[in-house]
Amino acid sequence: MIAHTSEIPYFGEHTQLTILCDSCGWKHTDFIPAEGSKPGGWSLKVNSPEHLSARVVRSSSCTVRLVELALEASPGNSSSGYISNIEGVFNRFGDVIMMLRRQAEDDDTAEQCDILLREIRRISAGQGSVELLLLDPMGHSQILHDDANPRELTEDELSKLQTGPSIPVFDVDDL
C-alpha cells in the first residue's frame, strides 16, 4: 500500500491511496480529501473549448455522465480514481466507444458508435454542448471551474448510485 498526501491546487489536501498486489497484479487507486465530505454532485455545461481544460478529480465511487449523449460510466469492482481534465474525460469515453465499435456485430451498433464519436469531437471543437455530471456518494469528486456547480445528492439519487469497489482490509495478525 502506498499513501501519498499532497496539496492539489484549488482542491486542497488529498491523500492518493494506491494498493498493489505483486502476486496477481491487482491495483486500486483512489483520492481521499483531507476534509470530510458529504455525498455530492458537480455539473458543468461544457459549451466551449476553454471548458476542456477544467480539472476533474474523480474518485472510485463516482458516476460520470454526459447527459445529452446518454453516456454513463458507473463505478465497478475495479474502478479507480483519477485526476484529469474534461478533455481527458471525453477521451476516456471515446476510448470505450471505439472499443465497442471494433467489437460491433451489426451495422446499427457500429453506426451508433460513430455518431457518438462524431458528437464528442464536435463538442470538443466548440460546436455543441453537453452537461458533464459527477455524482459521488462519498463526496470525493470535483470539477474545478468557475462555471461548475456543486450540489448535494438527493436520497433518490443516492439509492440508485453504485459506490464502487470495496477495498479488502486485512488484519496483519491473520497473515
N, C-alpha and C. Protein backbone atom coordinates (compact mmCIF):
# COMPACT_ATOMS: atom_id res chain seq x y z
N MET A 1 0.85 -1.17 0.00
CA MET A 1 0.00 0.00 0.00
C MET A 1 0.90 1.23 0.00
N ILE A 2 0.57 2.17 -0.85
CA ILE A 2 1.31 3.42 -0.93
C ILE A 2 0.31 4.55 -0.67
N ALA A 3 0.60 5.39 0.28
CA ALA A 3 -0.24 6.55 0.57
C ALA A 3 0.62 7.79 0.39
N HIS A 4 0.12 8.71 -0.39
CA HIS A 4 0.86 9.93 -0.66
C HIS A 4 -0.09 11.11 -0.46
N THR A 5 0.24 11.98 0.48
CA THR A 5 -0.59 13.14 0.75
C THR A 5 0.05 14.35 0.10
N SER A 6 -0.78 15.12 -0.61
CA SER A 6 -0.26 16.32 -1.26
C SER A 6 -1.39 17.34 -1.40
N GLU A 7 -0.97 18.54 -1.67
CA GLU A 7 -1.90 19.63 -1.91
C GLU A 7 -2.18 19.66 -3.40
N ILE A 8 -3.42 19.43 -3.78
CA ILE A 8 -3.81 19.52 -5.18
C ILE A 8 -4.30 20.94 -5.38
N PRO A 9 -3.64 21.71 -6.25
CA PRO A 9 -4.04 23.12 -6.42
C PRO A 9 -5.54 23.27 -6.61
N TYR A 10 -6.12 24.17 -5.84
CA TYR A 10 -7.53 24.54 -5.88
C TYR A 10 -8.47 23.47 -5.32
N PHE A 11 -7.98 22.27 -5.05
CA PHE A 11 -8.81 21.22 -4.48
C PHE A 11 -8.52 20.99 -3.00
N GLY A 12 -7.34 21.39 -2.57
CA GLY A 12 -6.97 21.18 -1.17
C GLY A 12 -6.15 19.91 -0.99
N GLU A 13 -5.93 19.59 0.28
CA GLU A 13 -5.10 18.44 0.61
C GLU A 13 -5.87 17.15 0.33
N HIS A 14 -5.23 16.23 -0.37
CA HIS A 14 -5.80 14.93 -0.69
C HIS A 14 -4.75 13.85 -0.40
N THR A 15 -5.23 12.67 -0.10
CA THR A 15 -4.35 11.51 0.01
C THR A 15 -4.61 10.62 -1.18
N GLN A 16 -3.56 10.31 -1.93
CA GLN A 16 -3.67 9.34 -3.01
C GLN A 16 -3.30 8.00 -2.42
N LEU A 17 -4.22 7.08 -2.46
CA LEU A 17 -4.02 5.76 -1.90
C LEU A 17 -3.93 4.77 -3.05
N THR A 18 -2.83 4.05 -3.13
CA THR A 18 -2.66 3.03 -4.15
C THR A 18 -2.34 1.71 -3.46
N ILE A 19 -3.10 0.70 -3.78
CA ILE A 19 -2.89 -0.63 -3.23
C ILE A 19 -2.53 -1.54 -4.39
N LEU A 20 -1.42 -2.26 -4.25
CA LEU A 20 -0.92 -3.14 -5.31
C LEU A 20 -0.72 -4.55 -4.77
N CYS A 21 -0.94 -5.54 -5.61
CA CYS A 21 -0.61 -6.92 -5.26
C CYS A 21 0.46 -7.40 -6.24
N ASP A 22 1.66 -7.65 -5.74
CA ASP A 22 2.75 -8.10 -6.60
C ASP A 22 2.49 -9.49 -7.17
N SER A 23 1.70 -10.29 -6.48
CA SER A 23 1.44 -11.66 -6.94
C SER A 23 0.51 -11.71 -8.15
N CYS A 24 -0.61 -10.99 -8.07
CA CYS A 24 -1.61 -11.12 -9.15
C CYS A 24 -1.71 -9.88 -10.03
N GLY A 25 -1.09 -8.76 -9.64
CA GLY A 25 -1.12 -7.56 -10.45
C GLY A 25 -2.31 -6.65 -10.17
N TRP A 26 -3.16 -7.02 -9.20
CA TRP A 26 -4.31 -6.18 -8.86
C TRP A 26 -3.83 -4.83 -8.38
N LYS A 27 -4.56 -3.77 -8.79
CA LYS A 27 -4.18 -2.41 -8.41
C LYS A 27 -5.44 -1.60 -8.18
N HIS A 28 -5.40 -0.76 -7.17
CA HIS A 28 -6.52 0.14 -6.90
C HIS A 28 -5.94 1.49 -6.48
N THR A 29 -6.44 2.56 -7.11
CA THR A 29 -6.02 3.92 -6.76
C THR A 29 -7.26 4.74 -6.44
N ASP A 30 -7.16 5.56 -5.42
CA ASP A 30 -8.26 6.44 -5.08
C ASP A 30 -7.72 7.73 -4.50
N PHE A 31 -8.55 8.77 -4.49
CA PHE A 31 -8.20 10.07 -3.95
C PHE A 31 -9.18 10.39 -2.83
N ILE A 32 -8.65 10.70 -1.67
CA ILE A 32 -9.48 10.96 -0.50
C ILE A 32 -9.13 12.34 0.03
N PRO A 33 -10.12 13.25 0.09
CA PRO A 33 -9.82 14.59 0.59
C PRO A 33 -9.58 14.58 2.09
N ALA A 34 -8.74 15.51 2.56
CA ALA A 34 -8.42 15.60 3.98
C ALA A 34 -9.64 16.04 4.77
N GLU A 35 -10.45 16.91 4.19
CA GLU A 35 -11.65 17.37 4.87
C GLU A 35 -12.78 16.40 4.63
N GLY A 36 -13.65 16.24 5.63
CA GLY A 36 -14.81 15.37 5.49
C GLY A 36 -15.70 15.83 4.36
N SER A 37 -16.38 14.91 3.74
CA SER A 37 -17.23 15.23 2.61
C SER A 37 -18.61 14.63 2.78
N LYS A 38 -19.59 15.30 2.20
CA LYS A 38 -20.94 14.77 2.15
C LYS A 38 -21.18 14.29 0.72
N PRO A 39 -22.12 13.35 0.55
CA PRO A 39 -22.44 12.93 -0.82
C PRO A 39 -22.73 14.15 -1.67
N GLY A 40 -22.16 14.19 -2.84
CA GLY A 40 -22.32 15.39 -3.64
C GLY A 40 -22.21 15.16 -5.13
N GLY A 41 -22.70 16.14 -5.84
CA GLY A 41 -22.63 16.12 -7.29
C GLY A 41 -22.04 17.43 -7.79
N TRP A 42 -21.46 17.36 -8.97
CA TRP A 42 -20.93 18.54 -9.66
C TRP A 42 -21.45 18.50 -11.08
N SER A 43 -21.76 19.66 -11.63
CA SER A 43 -22.19 19.72 -13.02
C SER A 43 -21.52 20.89 -13.71
N LEU A 44 -21.28 20.71 -14.99
CA LEU A 44 -20.73 21.77 -15.83
C LEU A 44 -21.28 21.59 -17.23
N LYS A 45 -21.88 22.64 -17.76
CA LYS A 45 -22.33 22.63 -19.15
C LYS A 45 -21.10 22.93 -20.00
N VAL A 46 -20.58 21.92 -20.66
CA VAL A 46 -19.38 22.06 -21.49
C VAL A 46 -19.84 22.61 -22.84
N ASN A 47 -19.56 23.90 -23.07
CA ASN A 47 -20.02 24.53 -24.30
C ASN A 47 -18.97 25.43 -24.95
N SER A 48 -17.71 25.24 -24.55
CA SER A 48 -16.63 25.98 -25.20
C SER A 48 -15.34 25.18 -25.07
N PRO A 49 -14.42 25.37 -26.02
CA PRO A 49 -13.13 24.67 -25.92
C PRO A 49 -12.39 25.00 -24.62
N GLU A 50 -12.64 26.18 -24.05
CA GLU A 50 -12.00 26.59 -22.80
C GLU A 50 -12.37 25.65 -21.65
N HIS A 51 -13.58 25.09 -21.68
CA HIS A 51 -14.01 24.17 -20.63
C HIS A 51 -13.21 22.87 -20.63
N LEU A 52 -12.64 22.51 -21.77
CA LEU A 52 -11.92 21.23 -21.88
C LEU A 52 -10.73 21.15 -20.93
N SER A 53 -10.18 22.29 -20.52
CA SER A 53 -9.02 22.28 -19.62
C SER A 53 -9.41 22.30 -18.14
N ALA A 54 -10.71 22.34 -17.83
CA ALA A 54 -11.14 22.33 -16.43
C ALA A 54 -10.71 21.02 -15.78
N ARG A 55 -10.14 21.13 -14.58
CA ARG A 55 -9.64 19.96 -13.86
C ARG A 55 -10.80 19.15 -13.28
N VAL A 56 -10.63 17.83 -13.29
CA VAL A 56 -11.62 16.91 -12.75
C VAL A 56 -10.90 15.95 -11.80
N VAL A 57 -11.41 15.85 -10.57
CA VAL A 57 -10.96 14.79 -9.66
C VAL A 57 -12.12 13.83 -9.55
N ARG A 58 -11.90 12.61 -9.99
CA ARG A 58 -12.93 11.58 -9.96
C ARG A 58 -12.48 10.46 -9.03
N SER A 59 -13.25 10.22 -7.97
CA SER A 59 -12.91 9.14 -7.04
C SER A 59 -13.47 7.83 -7.57
N SER A 60 -13.07 6.74 -6.97
CA SER A 60 -13.52 5.42 -7.43
C SER A 60 -15.00 5.18 -7.16
N SER A 61 -15.64 6.04 -6.39
CA SER A 61 -17.07 5.89 -6.10
C SER A 61 -17.96 6.77 -6.98
N CYS A 62 -17.38 7.47 -7.93
CA CYS A 62 -18.11 8.49 -8.70
C CYS A 62 -18.68 7.93 -10.00
N THR A 63 -19.94 8.29 -10.27
CA THR A 63 -20.58 8.03 -11.56
C THR A 63 -20.41 9.28 -12.41
N VAL A 64 -19.95 9.09 -13.65
CA VAL A 64 -19.73 10.20 -14.57
C VAL A 64 -20.76 10.09 -15.70
N ARG A 65 -21.44 11.20 -15.97
CA ARG A 65 -22.45 11.20 -17.04
C ARG A 65 -22.21 12.33 -18.02
N LEU A 66 -22.43 12.03 -19.29
CA LEU A 66 -22.55 13.04 -20.35
C LEU A 66 -24.03 13.01 -20.72
N VAL A 67 -24.79 13.93 -20.15
CA VAL A 67 -26.26 13.84 -20.11
C VAL A 67 -26.88 13.76 -21.50
N GLU A 68 -26.65 14.73 -22.36
CA GLU A 68 -27.32 14.77 -23.65
C GLU A 68 -26.92 13.62 -24.57
N LEU A 69 -25.79 13.00 -24.30
CA LEU A 69 -25.35 11.86 -25.11
C LEU A 69 -25.81 10.54 -24.51
N ALA A 70 -26.46 10.60 -23.33
CA ALA A 70 -26.94 9.40 -22.63
C ALA A 70 -25.80 8.42 -22.36
N LEU A 71 -24.63 8.95 -22.00
CA LEU A 71 -23.48 8.12 -21.67
C LEU A 71 -23.22 8.19 -20.18
N GLU A 72 -22.87 7.04 -19.60
CA GLU A 72 -22.60 6.98 -18.17
C GLU A 72 -21.50 5.98 -17.90
N ALA A 73 -20.59 6.36 -17.00
CA ALA A 73 -19.55 5.46 -16.50
C ALA A 73 -19.80 5.31 -15.01
N SER A 74 -20.29 4.13 -14.62
CA SER A 74 -20.58 3.85 -13.22
C SER A 74 -19.39 3.12 -12.61
N PRO A 75 -19.16 3.34 -11.31
CA PRO A 75 -18.05 2.65 -10.67
C PRO A 75 -18.34 1.16 -10.53
N GLY A 76 -17.37 0.36 -10.89
CA GLY A 76 -17.49 -1.09 -10.75
C GLY A 76 -16.51 -1.60 -9.72
N ASN A 77 -16.36 -2.92 -9.69
CA ASN A 77 -15.48 -3.54 -8.70
C ASN A 77 -14.01 -3.19 -8.89
N SER A 78 -13.63 -2.82 -10.11
CA SER A 78 -12.22 -2.49 -10.34
C SER A 78 -12.04 -1.00 -10.66
N SER A 79 -13.01 -0.19 -10.30
CA SER A 79 -12.95 1.25 -10.57
C SER A 79 -11.83 1.91 -9.79
N SER A 80 -11.13 2.82 -10.45
CA SER A 80 -10.06 3.59 -9.82
C SER A 80 -10.34 5.07 -9.97
N GLY A 81 -9.82 5.84 -9.07
CA GLY A 81 -9.93 7.29 -9.17
C GLY A 81 -8.88 7.84 -10.12
N TYR A 82 -9.09 9.06 -10.56
CA TYR A 82 -8.10 9.73 -11.42
C TYR A 82 -8.25 11.23 -11.32
N ILE A 83 -7.18 11.92 -11.68
CA ILE A 83 -7.21 13.37 -11.85
C ILE A 83 -6.95 13.61 -13.33
N SER A 84 -7.80 14.40 -13.95
CA SER A 84 -7.69 14.65 -15.38
C SER A 84 -8.24 16.04 -15.65
N ASN A 85 -8.61 16.26 -16.90
CA ASN A 85 -9.37 17.44 -17.26
C ASN A 85 -10.55 16.95 -18.09
N ILE A 86 -11.43 17.84 -18.48
CA ILE A 86 -12.63 17.41 -19.20
C ILE A 86 -12.26 16.76 -20.53
N GLU A 87 -11.24 17.27 -21.20
CA GLU A 87 -10.80 16.63 -22.44
C GLU A 87 -10.41 15.18 -22.18
N GLY A 88 -9.73 14.93 -21.06
CA GLY A 88 -9.35 13.56 -20.69
C GLY A 88 -10.56 12.69 -20.40
N VAL A 89 -11.59 13.26 -19.78
CA VAL A 89 -12.83 12.51 -19.53
C VAL A 89 -13.47 12.14 -20.87
N PHE A 90 -13.53 13.09 -21.79
CA PHE A 90 -14.06 12.81 -23.13
C PHE A 90 -13.25 11.71 -23.82
N ASN A 91 -11.93 11.77 -23.69
CA ASN A 91 -11.07 10.74 -24.30
C ASN A 91 -11.35 9.36 -23.72
N ARG A 92 -11.59 9.29 -22.41
CA ARG A 92 -11.92 8.00 -21.78
C ARG A 92 -13.21 7.44 -22.36
N PHE A 93 -14.24 8.29 -22.48
CA PHE A 93 -15.48 7.83 -23.10
C PHE A 93 -15.22 7.40 -24.54
N GLY A 94 -14.46 8.21 -25.29
CA GLY A 94 -14.16 7.89 -26.68
C GLY A 94 -13.43 6.56 -26.82
N ASP A 95 -12.49 6.28 -25.93
CA ASP A 95 -11.75 5.01 -25.99
C ASP A 95 -12.69 3.81 -25.82
N VAL A 96 -13.62 3.92 -24.89
CA VAL A 96 -14.57 2.82 -24.68
C VAL A 96 -15.49 2.67 -25.88
N ILE A 97 -15.95 3.79 -26.43
CA ILE A 97 -16.83 3.73 -27.60
C ILE A 97 -16.09 3.11 -28.79
N MET A 98 -14.80 3.46 -28.98
CA MET A 98 -14.02 2.88 -30.08
C MET A 98 -13.85 1.37 -29.88
N MET A 99 -13.66 0.94 -28.63
CA MET A 99 -13.55 -0.49 -28.35
C MET A 99 -14.87 -1.19 -28.71
N LEU A 100 -15.99 -0.59 -28.31
CA LEU A 100 -17.29 -1.17 -28.65
C LEU A 100 -17.50 -1.19 -30.16
N ARG A 101 -17.03 -0.15 -30.83
CA ARG A 101 -17.14 -0.08 -32.30
C ARG A 101 -16.39 -1.23 -32.96
N ARG A 102 -15.19 -1.52 -32.47
CA ARG A 102 -14.40 -2.62 -33.02
C ARG A 102 -15.08 -3.97 -32.79
N GLN A 103 -15.82 -4.09 -31.71
CA GLN A 103 -16.48 -5.35 -31.36
C GLN A 103 -17.91 -5.45 -31.89
N ALA A 104 -18.38 -4.41 -32.53
CA ALA A 104 -19.77 -4.38 -33.01
C ALA A 104 -20.03 -5.53 -33.97
N GLU A 105 -21.15 -6.20 -33.74
CA GLU A 105 -21.51 -7.34 -34.58
C GLU A 105 -22.57 -6.99 -35.62
N ASP A 106 -23.05 -5.74 -35.58
CA ASP A 106 -24.05 -5.33 -36.58
C ASP A 106 -23.80 -3.88 -36.97
N ASP A 107 -24.34 -3.50 -38.10
CA ASP A 107 -24.13 -2.16 -38.64
C ASP A 107 -24.78 -1.08 -37.78
N ASP A 108 -25.92 -1.39 -37.16
CA ASP A 108 -26.60 -0.39 -36.34
C ASP A 108 -25.76 0.01 -35.13
N THR A 109 -25.17 -0.97 -34.48
CA THR A 109 -24.32 -0.68 -33.32
C THR A 109 -23.10 0.13 -33.75
N ALA A 110 -22.49 -0.26 -34.85
CA ALA A 110 -21.32 0.47 -35.36
C ALA A 110 -21.69 1.91 -35.68
N GLU A 111 -22.85 2.12 -36.30
CA GLU A 111 -23.29 3.47 -36.65
C GLU A 111 -23.55 4.30 -35.40
N GLN A 112 -24.16 3.71 -34.38
CA GLN A 112 -24.40 4.44 -33.12
C GLN A 112 -23.07 4.86 -32.49
N CYS A 113 -22.08 4.00 -32.53
CA CYS A 113 -20.75 4.35 -32.02
C CYS A 113 -20.15 5.50 -32.81
N ASP A 114 -20.27 5.43 -34.14
CA ASP A 114 -19.74 6.50 -34.99
C ASP A 114 -20.41 7.84 -34.68
N ILE A 115 -21.71 7.82 -34.47
CA ILE A 115 -22.46 9.04 -34.15
C ILE A 115 -21.95 9.64 -32.83
N LEU A 116 -21.78 8.80 -31.81
CA LEU A 116 -21.30 9.29 -30.51
C LEU A 116 -19.89 9.86 -30.62
N LEU A 117 -19.03 9.18 -31.36
CA LEU A 117 -17.65 9.68 -31.53
C LEU A 117 -17.63 11.02 -32.25
N ARG A 118 -18.45 11.16 -33.29
CA ARG A 118 -18.53 12.45 -34.00
C ARG A 118 -19.04 13.55 -33.08
N GLU A 119 -20.03 13.23 -32.26
CA GLU A 119 -20.61 14.23 -31.36
C GLU A 119 -19.59 14.67 -30.31
N ILE A 120 -18.84 13.75 -29.76
CA ILE A 120 -17.80 14.11 -28.79
C ILE A 120 -16.75 15.01 -29.45
N ARG A 121 -16.34 14.68 -30.68
CA ARG A 121 -15.37 15.53 -31.40
C ARG A 121 -15.95 16.92 -31.68
N ARG A 122 -17.22 16.97 -32.04
CA ARG A 122 -17.89 18.24 -32.33
C ARG A 122 -17.94 19.12 -31.08
N ILE A 123 -18.29 18.55 -29.94
CA ILE A 123 -18.34 19.30 -28.69
C ILE A 123 -16.95 19.77 -28.29
N SER A 124 -15.97 18.91 -28.48
CA SER A 124 -14.59 19.27 -28.16
C SER A 124 -14.09 20.43 -29.01
N ALA A 125 -14.64 20.56 -30.21
CA ALA A 125 -14.26 21.65 -31.12
C ALA A 125 -15.08 22.91 -30.86
N GLY A 126 -15.95 22.89 -29.85
CA GLY A 126 -16.74 24.07 -29.53
C GLY A 126 -17.98 24.23 -30.38
N GLN A 127 -18.42 23.16 -31.04
CA GLN A 127 -19.57 23.25 -31.94
C GLN A 127 -20.82 22.59 -31.36
N GLY A 128 -20.88 22.47 -30.07
CA GLY A 128 -22.04 21.87 -29.41
C GLY A 128 -21.82 21.94 -27.91
N SER A 129 -22.71 21.31 -27.18
CA SER A 129 -22.55 21.32 -25.73
C SER A 129 -23.09 20.02 -25.14
N VAL A 130 -22.63 19.74 -23.94
CA VAL A 130 -23.09 18.58 -23.19
C VAL A 130 -22.90 18.90 -21.71
N GLU A 131 -23.82 18.40 -20.88
CA GLU A 131 -23.67 18.58 -19.44
C GLU A 131 -22.87 17.42 -18.89
N LEU A 132 -21.76 17.75 -18.21
CA LEU A 132 -20.95 16.75 -17.52
C LEU A 132 -21.41 16.72 -16.07
N LEU A 133 -21.78 15.53 -15.60
CA LEU A 133 -22.20 15.34 -14.22
C LEU A 133 -21.26 14.39 -13.51
N LEU A 134 -20.86 14.75 -12.30
CA LEU A 134 -20.16 13.85 -11.40
C LEU A 134 -21.09 13.61 -10.23
N LEU A 135 -21.45 12.38 -9.97
CA LEU A 135 -22.33 12.02 -8.86
C LEU A 135 -21.57 11.07 -7.94
N ASP A 136 -21.23 11.54 -6.75
CA ASP A 136 -20.34 10.77 -5.87
C ASP A 136 -20.96 10.60 -4.49
N PRO A 137 -21.40 9.37 -4.17
CA PRO A 137 -22.00 9.14 -2.85
C PRO A 137 -21.02 9.34 -1.70
N MET A 138 -19.72 9.32 -1.98
CA MET A 138 -18.71 9.56 -0.94
C MET A 138 -18.31 11.04 -0.89
N GLY A 139 -18.65 11.81 -1.92
CA GLY A 139 -18.37 13.24 -1.95
C GLY A 139 -16.92 13.59 -2.20
N HIS A 140 -16.16 12.70 -2.83
CA HIS A 140 -14.73 12.94 -3.05
C HIS A 140 -14.40 13.51 -4.42
N SER A 141 -15.37 13.67 -5.30
CA SER A 141 -15.11 14.10 -6.68
C SER A 141 -15.47 15.57 -6.86
N GLN A 142 -14.77 16.23 -7.80
CA GLN A 142 -14.98 17.66 -8.02
C GLN A 142 -14.64 18.05 -9.44
N ILE A 143 -15.24 19.15 -9.89
CA ILE A 143 -14.86 19.81 -11.14
C ILE A 143 -14.36 21.19 -10.76
N LEU A 144 -13.15 21.54 -11.20
CA LEU A 144 -12.58 22.84 -10.88
C LEU A 144 -12.78 23.80 -12.05
N HIS A 145 -13.82 24.59 -11.95
CA HIS A 145 -14.07 25.63 -12.93
C HIS A 145 -15.09 26.58 -12.33
N ASP A 146 -14.95 27.87 -12.63
CA ASP A 146 -15.90 28.86 -12.10
C ASP A 146 -17.33 28.59 -12.56
N ASP A 147 -17.52 27.95 -13.71
CA ASP A 147 -18.85 27.66 -14.21
C ASP A 147 -19.45 26.37 -13.64
N ALA A 148 -18.64 25.58 -12.91
CA ALA A 148 -19.11 24.31 -12.35
C ALA A 148 -19.99 24.58 -11.12
N ASN A 149 -20.98 23.74 -10.96
CA ASN A 149 -21.94 23.90 -9.86
C ASN A 149 -21.95 22.68 -8.96
N PRO A 150 -21.59 22.86 -7.68
CA PRO A 150 -21.70 21.75 -6.73
C PRO A 150 -23.12 21.68 -6.15
N ARG A 151 -23.50 20.50 -5.70
CA ARG A 151 -24.80 20.35 -5.04
C ARG A 151 -24.80 19.06 -4.21
N GLU A 152 -25.75 18.97 -3.31
CA GLU A 152 -25.93 17.74 -2.55
C GLU A 152 -26.76 16.77 -3.38
N LEU A 153 -26.52 15.48 -3.18
CA LEU A 153 -27.31 14.47 -3.87
C LEU A 153 -28.62 14.23 -3.12
N THR A 154 -29.66 13.92 -3.86
CA THR A 154 -30.94 13.61 -3.24
C THR A 154 -30.92 12.17 -2.73
N GLU A 155 -31.83 11.86 -1.85
CA GLU A 155 -31.95 10.48 -1.34
C GLU A 155 -32.24 9.52 -2.49
N ASP A 156 -33.07 9.95 -3.43
CA ASP A 156 -33.39 9.11 -4.58
C ASP A 156 -32.14 8.82 -5.41
N GLU A 157 -31.34 9.85 -5.67
CA GLU A 157 -30.09 9.66 -6.42
C GLU A 157 -29.17 8.70 -5.68
N LEU A 158 -29.02 8.92 -4.36
CA LEU A 158 -28.14 8.07 -3.56
C LEU A 158 -28.55 6.60 -3.61
N SER A 159 -29.84 6.35 -3.61
CA SER A 159 -30.33 4.97 -3.61
C SER A 159 -30.04 4.26 -4.93
N LYS A 160 -29.83 5.03 -6.01
CA LYS A 160 -29.62 4.44 -7.33
C LYS A 160 -28.15 4.38 -7.75
N LEU A 161 -27.26 5.00 -6.98
CA LEU A 161 -25.85 5.06 -7.37
C LEU A 161 -25.06 3.88 -6.83
N GLN A 162 -24.14 3.40 -7.65
CA GLN A 162 -23.19 2.39 -7.17
C GLN A 162 -22.10 3.12 -6.39
N THR A 163 -21.47 2.41 -5.47
CA THR A 163 -20.44 3.05 -4.64
C THR A 163 -19.03 2.64 -5.03
N GLY A 164 -18.88 1.80 -6.02
CA GLY A 164 -17.54 1.44 -6.46
C GLY A 164 -16.99 0.25 -5.72
N PRO A 165 -15.68 0.07 -5.83
CA PRO A 165 -15.06 -1.13 -5.27
C PRO A 165 -15.02 -1.11 -3.75
N SER A 166 -15.06 -2.28 -3.21
CA SER A 166 -14.78 -2.38 -1.78
C SER A 166 -13.34 -2.87 -1.66
N ILE A 167 -12.59 -2.17 -0.86
CA ILE A 167 -11.16 -2.47 -0.73
C ILE A 167 -11.00 -3.51 0.37
N PRO A 168 -10.33 -4.62 0.07
CA PRO A 168 -10.14 -5.63 1.10
C PRO A 168 -9.26 -5.08 2.23
N VAL A 169 -9.68 -5.39 3.44
CA VAL A 169 -8.91 -4.97 4.62
C VAL A 169 -8.41 -6.22 5.31
N PHE A 170 -7.13 -6.27 5.55
CA PHE A 170 -6.52 -7.45 6.17
C PHE A 170 -5.99 -7.08 7.54
N ASP A 171 -6.16 -7.99 8.46
CA ASP A 171 -5.57 -7.84 9.79
C ASP A 171 -4.18 -8.46 9.73
N VAL A 172 -3.17 -7.69 10.05
CA VAL A 172 -1.77 -8.14 9.97
C VAL A 172 -1.57 -9.39 10.82
N ASP A 173 -2.26 -9.52 11.92
CA ASP A 173 -2.10 -10.68 12.78
C ASP A 173 -2.60 -11.96 12.12
N ASP A 174 -3.51 -11.84 11.14
CA ASP A 174 -4.05 -13.01 10.46
C ASP A 174 -3.19 -13.46 9.28
N LEU A 175 -2.19 -12.69 8.91
CA LEU A 175 -1.38 -13.03 7.74
C LEU A 175 -0.27 -13.97 8.06
